[in-house]
Amino acid sequence: MLELQNVGFRADDGKEILKDISIKIDDKFVAVTGPNGSGKSTLLKVIMGSSSLSGSRASA
């Protein structure tokens, strides 16, 4: 299981990429879709731990 609560992420230039994202995934395949620049890759980097979270909680 993966759970994110109130995930936020700001780029080095201060631009807010993710704001108040909450998700809970239990043993399922999940697709992340959206337009270019909407934060899909950033969200996956946060989930993998290669980007820092701000004001949030993540558990796996």
C-alpha atoms as a PDB file:
ATOM      1  CA  MET A   1       0.000   0.000   0.000  1.00  0.00           C
ATOM      2  CA  LEU A   2       1.095   3.540  -0.733  1.00  0.00           C
ATOM      3  CA  GLU A   3      -0.396   6.585   0.954  1.00  0.00           C
ATOM      4  CA  LEU A   4       0.367  10.263   0.440  1.00  0.00           C
ATOM      5  CA  GLN A   5      -1.305  12.979   2.477  1.00  0.00           C
ATOM      6  CA  ASN A   6      -1.194  16.671   1.595  1.00  0.00           C
ATOM      7  CA  VAL A   7       1.880  16.329  -0.618  1.00  0.00           C
ATOM      8  CA  GLY A   8       3.382  19.582  -1.783  1.00  0.00           C
ATOM      9  CA  PHE A   9       6.443  20.343  -3.874  1.00  0.00           C
ATOM     10  CA  ARG A  10       8.098  23.598  -4.964  1.00  0.00           C
ATOM     11  CA  ALA A  11      10.757  23.871  -7.640  1.00  0.00           C
ATOM     12  CA  ASP A  12      14.074  25.592  -6.872  1.00  0.00           C
ATOM     13  CA  ASP A  13      12.701  28.805  -8.393  1.00  0.00           C
ATOM     14  CA  GLY A  14       9.769  28.741  -5.929  1.00  0.00           C
ATOM     15  CA  LYS A  15       7.140  27.623  -8.454  1.00  0.00           C
ATOM     16  CA  GLU A  16       4.539  25.374  -6.804  1.00  0.00           C
ATOM     17  CA  ILE A  17       4.416  22.099  -8.754  1.00  0.00           C
ATOM     18  CA  LEU A  18       2.281  19.943  -6.419  1.00  0.00           C
ATOM     19  CA  LYS A  19      -0.227  21.280  -3.895  1.00  0.00           C
ATOM     20  CA  ASP A  20      -2.243  19.281  -1.335  1.00  0.00           C
ATOM     21  CA  ILE A  21      -2.099  15.954  -3.209  1.00  0.00           C
ATOM     22  CA  SER A  22      -3.540  13.011  -1.254  1.00  0.00           C
ATOM     23  CA  ILE A  23      -3.756   9.462  -2.606  1.00  0.00           C
ATOM     24  CA  LYS A  24      -4.055   5.919  -1.260  1.00  0.00           C
ATOM     25  CA  ILE A  25      -3.195   2.950  -3.489  1.00  0.00           C
ATOM     26  CA  ASP A  26      -3.821  -0.685  -2.477  1.00  0.00           C
ATOM     27  CA  ASP A  27      -2.350  -3.430  -4.706  1.00  0.00           C
ATOM     28  CA  LYS A  28      -3.600  -1.979  -7.986  1.00  0.00           C
ATOM     29  CA  PHE A  29      -2.161  -0.688 -11.229  1.00  0.00           C
ATOM     30  CA  VAL A  30      -2.484   3.076 -11.439  1.00  0.00           C
ATOM     31  CA  ALA A  31      -2.030   5.431 -14.380  1.00  0.00           C
ATOM     32  CA  VAL A  32      -1.017   9.033 -13.834  1.00  0.00           C
ATOM     33  CA  THR A  33      -2.263  11.188 -16.695  1.00  0.00           C
ATOM     34  CA  GLY A  34      -2.407  14.893 -17.431  1.00  0.00           C
ATOM     35  CA  PRO A  35      -1.104  17.614 -19.724  1.00  0.00           C
ATOM     36  CA  ASN A  36       2.570  18.485 -20.142  1.00  0.00           C
ATOM     37  CA  GLY A  37       3.956  20.318 -17.134  1.00  0.00           C
ATOM     38  CA  SER A  38       1.210  19.246 -14.728  1.00  0.00           C
ATOM     39  CA  GLY A  39       3.548  17.481 -12.257  1.00  0.00           C
ATOM     40  CA  LYS A  40       3.212  13.803 -13.233  1.00  0.00           C
ATOM     41  CA  SER A  41       6.957  13.114 -13.222  1.00  0.00           C
ATOM     42  CA  THR A  42       7.432  15.202 -10.080  1.00  0.00           C
ATOM     43  CA  LEU A  43       4.755  13.172  -8.285  1.00  0.00           C
ATOM     44  CA  LEU A  44       6.487   9.919  -9.279  1.00  0.00           C
ATOM     45  CA  LYS A  45       9.868  11.275  -8.113  1.00  0.00           C
ATOM     46  CA  VAL A  46       8.320  12.200  -4.767  1.00  0.00           C
ATOM     47  CA  ILE A  47       6.844   8.697  -4.451  1.00  0.00           C
ATOM     48  CA  MET A  48      10.249   7.168  -5.217  1.00  0.00           C
ATOM     49  CA  GLY A  49      11.928   9.457  -2.683  1.00  0.00           C
ATOM     50  CA  SER A  50      14.210  11.307  -5.087  1.00  0.00           C
ATOM     51  CA  SER A  51      12.480  14.660  -4.467  1.00  0.00           C
ATOM     52  CA  SER A  52      11.793  16.289  -1.097  1.00  0.00           C
ATOM     53  CA  LEU A  53       8.272  16.750   0.238  1.00  0.00           C
ATOM     54  CA  SER A  54       6.931  19.916   1.801  1.00  0.00           C
ATOM     55  CA  GLY A  55       4.261  19.884   4.509  1.00  0.00           C
ATOM     56  CA  SER A  56       3.213  16.308   3.845  1.00  0.00           C
ATOM     57  CA  ARG A  57       3.337  12.691   4.907  1.00  0.00           C
ATOM     58  CA  ALA A  58       4.157   9.630   2.827  1.00  0.00           C
ATOM     59  CA  SER A  59       4.072   5.967   3.814  1.00  0.00           C
ATOM     60  CA  ALA A  60       4.511   2.710   1.977  1.00  0.00           C
END
